[in-house]
Amino acid sequence: MPDDLYDRDILTWSRHQADLLRRLARGERVDGVDWEHVVEEIEDVGLAELNAVLGDLRQMLVHLLKIQGWPDNRAADDWRGEIGSFQADAAQRFAPSMRRRINMTVLYDRARAQLKGIKYDGVSPGAWPNACPCTLNDLLETERTTLEGRMKEAVSGPQAWPGHTKANVRPPSSGVARFASERPRWVSIVANRAILTVSAGRIFLTSRSYRRPRTAGRR
């Protein structure tokens, strides 16, 4: 066989190498095994499966973010159907040894980055969780409706809104709370027990537990 067969015709090369390895397994003495490329191809099989699982999981997160960000979009049901397909494919390909190679934080950040600047029908997305609310096991095993619920639960507080994190939230000094990094389109009105936020024509009402500081001389 020509030395450059691997580069010229990978199909013929693979069949020839498979035949040589079968003969070698039967105890025959053979020459011509392209060990360097055989080892590379075996490694690539595992990496290809891992990358396929990573891709399916990332697409699950992308579609969950779409549903969370645009719940009333006419494509929402299609997104839900695709989540089921991606989950089934990921679960079928997943192997226990992949677990230590899957970083949920990285996956979630990439999913959000994929949707950066995206609008559907001219509408910007609603709030997204700052951190991934789902574990690897959740994505592989949990029903879609439960995953959607976890997305919603993760944005139930002001720390989950765009530009609002625990580091830059401060108690209100009067009727209106201003946040250091909030965008101009966000306005939050804070009362003792609730926060009303208006963004691009959408209204979010969130319960708040806030205790007024004790003043000097007051018991």
Foldseek 3Di string as FASTA:
>chain_A
DDPCCCVVPVVVVVVVLVVVVVCVVVVDDDDDNPVVVVVVVVVVVVVVLLVLLLVLLLLLLLLLQVCQFCVPDPCNVVSLVSLVVSLVSNLVSDDPVSQVVDDQQVSNVVSVVVCPPDDDPNHTTFWWAPGQQDDPCCSNPNRPVVSSVSRVVRVQDQCRGVQRHPVFFDDDPDQFGDTPRDDPQWGWGDDQFWIWIAGPNDIDIHTDHDDDDDDPPHD
